């Protein structure tokens, strides 16, 4: 199963997409992202930061996963996100 990336999607250099990953229109995948086999990133979704996703996940339209928090109490530091499979 081949990886399918819509022509309008932005995949930063360094991002790792396994076999069978689908990336929809206007989606954004950051440079430090690893996405597992069969995962679907739908249109207009963002996966950023130091993020690792397992197999067969779905990221729905307009979702913002793994990037900087919008929590005003956060004072910096390294953050990572690890998501298992089938979510």
N, C-alpha and C. Protein backbone atom coordinates (compact mmCIF):
# COMPACT_ATOMS: atom_id res chain seq x y z
N UNK A 1 0.85 -1.18 0.00
CA UNK A 1 0.00 0.00 0.00
C UNK A 1 0.89 1.24 0.00
N UNK A 2 0.70 2.09 -0.96
CA UNK A 2 1.55 3.28 -1.11
C UNK A 2 1.07 4.42 -0.22
N UNK A 3 1.99 5.29 0.10
CA UNK A 3 1.66 6.51 0.84
C UNK A 3 1.00 7.48 -0.13
N UNK A 4 -0.08 8.14 0.32
CA UNK A 4 -0.85 9.04 -0.52
C UNK A 4 -0.85 10.43 0.11
N UNK A 5 -0.19 11.38 -0.55
CA UNK A 5 -0.11 12.75 -0.04
C UNK A 5 -0.75 13.69 -1.06
N UNK A 6 -1.75 14.43 -0.62
CA UNK A 6 -2.42 15.39 -1.51
C UNK A 6 -1.41 16.45 -1.94
N UNK A 7 -1.48 16.93 -3.19
CA UNK A 7 -0.52 17.93 -3.68
C UNK A 7 -0.48 19.23 -2.87
N UNK A 8 -1.57 19.59 -2.21
CA UNK A 8 -1.58 20.83 -1.44
C UNK A 8 -1.09 20.65 0.00
N UNK A 9 -0.86 19.42 0.42
CA UNK A 9 -0.37 19.16 1.78
C UNK A 9 1.09 19.59 1.88
N UNK A 10 1.50 20.00 3.08
CA UNK A 10 2.89 20.38 3.33
C UNK A 10 3.51 19.36 4.26
N UNK A 11 4.57 18.70 3.77
CA UNK A 11 5.31 17.72 4.55
C UNK A 11 6.72 18.28 4.70
N UNK A 12 7.10 18.67 5.90
CA UNK A 12 8.43 19.25 6.13
C UNK A 12 9.52 18.18 5.97
N UNK A 13 10.68 18.63 5.49
CA UNK A 13 11.83 17.74 5.36
C UNK A 13 12.18 17.19 6.74
N UNK A 14 12.38 15.88 6.84
CA UNK A 14 12.69 15.23 8.10
C UNK A 14 11.52 14.43 8.64
N UNK A 15 10.30 14.75 8.21
CA UNK A 15 9.12 13.99 8.64
C UNK A 15 9.22 12.57 8.08
N UNK A 16 8.74 11.59 8.86
CA UNK A 16 8.77 10.19 8.44
C UNK A 16 7.36 9.65 8.35
N UNK A 17 6.97 9.23 7.14
CA UNK A 17 5.65 8.65 6.91
C UNK A 17 5.83 7.20 6.50
N UNK A 18 5.23 6.29 7.27
CA UNK A 18 5.30 4.87 6.93
C UNK A 18 4.41 4.55 5.74
N UNK A 19 4.50 3.33 5.30
CA UNK A 19 3.72 2.80 4.20
C UNK A 19 2.22 2.95 4.48
N UNK A 20 1.49 3.36 3.48
CA UNK A 20 0.04 3.42 3.59
C UNK A 20 -0.52 4.62 4.30
N UNK A 21 0.31 5.59 4.64
CA UNK A 21 -0.17 6.82 5.28
C UNK A 21 -0.87 7.67 4.22
N UNK A 22 -1.98 8.29 4.62
CA UNK A 22 -2.72 9.18 3.73
C UNK A 22 -2.76 10.57 4.36
N UNK A 23 -2.38 11.58 3.57
CA UNK A 23 -2.37 12.96 4.05
C UNK A 23 -3.27 13.78 3.13
N UNK A 24 -4.29 14.40 3.72
CA UNK A 24 -5.30 15.11 2.95
C UNK A 24 -4.89 16.52 2.54
N UNK A 25 -5.80 17.15 1.83
CA UNK A 25 -5.58 18.50 1.30
C UNK A 25 -5.31 19.50 2.42
N UNK A 26 -4.32 20.33 2.20
CA UNK A 26 -3.93 21.44 3.09
C UNK A 26 -3.51 20.99 4.49
N UNK A 27 -3.21 19.72 4.66
CA UNK A 27 -2.69 19.24 5.95
C UNK A 27 -1.23 19.65 6.07
N UNK A 28 -0.75 19.71 7.32
CA UNK A 28 0.64 20.08 7.58
C UNK A 28 1.26 19.03 8.50
N UNK A 29 2.45 18.52 8.10
CA UNK A 29 3.20 17.55 8.89
C UNK A 29 4.57 18.17 9.16
N UNK A 30 4.91 18.36 10.44
CA UNK A 30 6.16 18.99 10.83
C UNK A 30 7.37 18.09 10.67
N UNK A 31 8.55 18.68 10.77
CA UNK A 31 9.82 18.01 10.50
C UNK A 31 10.17 16.91 11.49
N UNK A 32 9.66 16.97 12.72
CA UNK A 32 10.03 15.99 13.75
C UNK A 32 8.92 14.98 14.01
N UNK A 33 8.06 14.79 13.02
CA UNK A 33 6.90 13.91 13.16
C UNK A 33 7.20 12.55 12.52
N UNK A 34 6.77 11.48 13.21
CA UNK A 34 6.84 10.12 12.67
C UNK A 34 5.42 9.56 12.70
N UNK A 35 4.93 9.13 11.54
CA UNK A 35 3.56 8.64 11.44
C UNK A 35 3.58 7.19 10.99
N UNK A 36 2.88 6.34 11.75
CA UNK A 36 2.87 4.90 11.52
C UNK A 36 1.97 4.46 10.37
N UNK A 37 2.19 3.25 9.95
CA UNK A 37 1.53 2.60 8.83
C UNK A 37 0.00 2.74 8.91
N UNK A 38 -0.59 3.11 7.78
CA UNK A 38 -2.04 3.13 7.66
C UNK A 38 -2.75 4.29 8.34
N UNK A 39 -2.01 5.25 8.86
CA UNK A 39 -2.63 6.40 9.52
C UNK A 39 -3.18 7.37 8.48
N UNK A 40 -4.31 7.99 8.81
CA UNK A 40 -4.94 8.96 7.92
C UNK A 40 -4.92 10.33 8.60
N UNK A 41 -4.30 11.30 7.94
CA UNK A 41 -4.31 12.69 8.39
C UNK A 41 -5.22 13.41 7.41
N UNK A 42 -6.39 13.81 7.88
CA UNK A 42 -7.41 14.37 7.00
C UNK A 42 -7.11 15.84 6.66
N UNK A 43 -7.91 16.36 5.74
CA UNK A 43 -7.71 17.72 5.23
C UNK A 43 -7.63 18.75 6.35
N UNK A 44 -6.77 19.73 6.17
CA UNK A 44 -6.59 20.87 7.08
C UNK A 44 -6.11 20.51 8.48
N UNK A 45 -5.67 19.28 8.71
CA UNK A 45 -5.16 18.89 10.03
C UNK A 45 -3.67 19.24 10.12
N UNK A 46 -3.19 19.44 11.35
CA UNK A 46 -1.78 19.73 11.61
C UNK A 46 -1.23 18.73 12.61
N UNK A 47 -0.10 18.12 12.26
CA UNK A 47 0.65 17.27 13.19
C UNK A 47 2.04 17.87 13.26
N UNK A 48 2.45 18.32 14.45
CA UNK A 48 3.68 19.09 14.58
C UNK A 48 4.42 18.68 15.85
N UNK A 49 5.52 19.35 16.11
CA UNK A 49 6.32 19.08 17.30
C UNK A 49 7.03 17.74 17.22
N UNK A 50 7.52 17.27 18.35
CA UNK A 50 8.17 15.96 18.43
C UNK A 50 7.05 14.96 18.70
N UNK A 51 6.48 14.45 17.61
CA UNK A 51 5.30 13.60 17.70
C UNK A 51 5.54 12.28 17.00
N UNK A 52 5.19 11.19 17.68
CA UNK A 52 5.25 9.85 17.11
C UNK A 52 3.86 9.24 17.19
N UNK A 53 3.36 8.77 16.06
CA UNK A 53 2.05 8.13 16.02
C UNK A 53 2.22 6.69 15.57
N UNK A 54 1.51 5.77 16.22
CA UNK A 54 1.53 4.36 15.84
C UNK A 54 0.70 4.11 14.58
N UNK A 55 0.38 2.85 14.37
CA UNK A 55 -0.35 2.43 13.17
C UNK A 55 -1.85 2.73 13.26
N UNK A 56 -2.43 2.94 12.10
CA UNK A 56 -3.89 3.00 11.92
C UNK A 56 -4.60 4.01 12.81
N UNK A 57 -4.07 5.21 12.87
CA UNK A 57 -4.72 6.31 13.59
C UNK A 57 -5.45 7.20 12.60
N UNK A 58 -6.32 8.05 13.11
CA UNK A 58 -7.00 9.06 12.31
C UNK A 58 -6.84 10.42 12.97
N UNK A 59 -6.43 11.41 12.18
CA UNK A 59 -6.38 12.79 12.65
C UNK A 59 -7.42 13.54 11.82
N UNK A 60 -8.44 14.03 12.49
CA UNK A 60 -9.60 14.59 11.80
C UNK A 60 -9.38 16.04 11.34
N UNK A 61 -10.24 16.51 10.44
CA UNK A 61 -10.08 17.85 9.88
C UNK A 61 -9.95 18.94 10.95
N UNK A 62 -9.03 19.83 10.74
CA UNK A 62 -8.76 21.01 11.57
C UNK A 62 -8.17 20.68 12.94
N UNK A 63 -7.81 19.42 13.17
CA UNK A 63 -7.15 19.07 14.44
C UNK A 63 -5.74 19.63 14.46
N UNK A 64 -5.26 19.96 15.67
CA UNK A 64 -3.90 20.47 15.88
C UNK A 64 -3.26 19.57 16.92
N UNK A 65 -2.36 18.70 16.48
CA UNK A 65 -1.79 17.65 17.33
C UNK A 65 -0.29 17.85 17.49
N UNK A 66 0.17 17.89 18.73
CA UNK A 66 1.60 17.85 19.02
C UNK A 66 2.35 19.15 19.01
N UNK A 67 1.72 20.22 18.64
CA UNK A 67 2.41 21.50 18.59
C UNK A 67 2.44 22.20 19.93
N UNK A 68 2.85 23.45 19.91
CA UNK A 68 2.91 24.23 21.14
C UNK A 68 1.52 24.37 21.75
N UNK A 69 1.48 24.32 23.06
CA UNK A 69 0.22 24.44 23.77
C UNK A 69 -0.32 25.87 23.73
N UNK A 70 -1.60 25.98 23.86
CA UNK A 70 -2.23 27.29 23.96
C UNK A 70 -2.48 27.66 25.42
N UNK A 71 -2.01 26.81 26.32
CA UNK A 71 -2.15 27.04 27.76
C UNK A 71 -1.19 28.14 28.20
N UNK A 72 -1.71 29.24 28.65
CA UNK A 72 -0.87 30.40 29.01
C UNK A 72 0.00 30.15 30.23
N UNK A 73 -0.28 29.10 31.01
CA UNK A 73 0.54 28.78 32.18
C UNK A 73 1.82 28.03 31.81
N UNK A 74 1.89 27.48 30.61
CA UNK A 74 3.05 26.71 30.18
C UNK A 74 4.26 27.63 30.07
N UNK A 75 5.38 27.23 30.67
CA UNK A 75 6.58 28.08 30.70
C UNK A 75 7.76 27.51 29.93
N UNK A 76 7.52 26.67 28.97
CA UNK A 76 8.60 26.18 28.13
C UNK A 76 9.08 24.80 28.51
N UNK A 77 10.17 24.40 27.90
CA UNK A 77 10.70 23.06 28.11
C UNK A 77 10.39 22.18 26.91
N UNK A 78 11.02 21.03 26.89
CA UNK A 78 10.83 20.10 25.78
C UNK A 78 9.54 19.32 26.00
N UNK A 79 8.73 19.26 24.99
CA UNK A 79 7.52 18.45 25.08
C UNK A 79 7.53 17.44 23.95
N UNK A 80 6.97 16.29 24.21
CA UNK A 80 6.86 15.22 23.22
C UNK A 80 5.46 14.65 23.29
N UNK A 81 5.02 14.09 22.18
CA UNK A 81 3.73 13.42 22.14
C UNK A 81 3.92 12.06 21.50
N UNK A 82 3.45 11.03 22.18
CA UNK A 82 3.49 9.68 21.62
C UNK A 82 2.08 9.12 21.66
N UNK A 83 1.58 8.74 20.49
CA UNK A 83 0.24 8.19 20.35
C UNK A 83 0.39 6.75 19.89
N UNK A 84 -0.31 5.85 20.53
CA UNK A 84 -0.25 4.43 20.17
C UNK A 84 -0.96 4.14 18.86
N UNK A 85 -1.44 2.92 18.71
CA UNK A 85 -2.09 2.48 17.48
C UNK A 85 -3.61 2.45 17.64
N UNK A 86 -4.29 2.54 16.51
CA UNK A 86 -5.75 2.38 16.41
C UNK A 86 -6.53 3.42 17.20
N UNK A 87 -6.13 4.66 17.11
CA UNK A 87 -6.86 5.75 17.77
C UNK A 87 -7.53 6.63 16.74
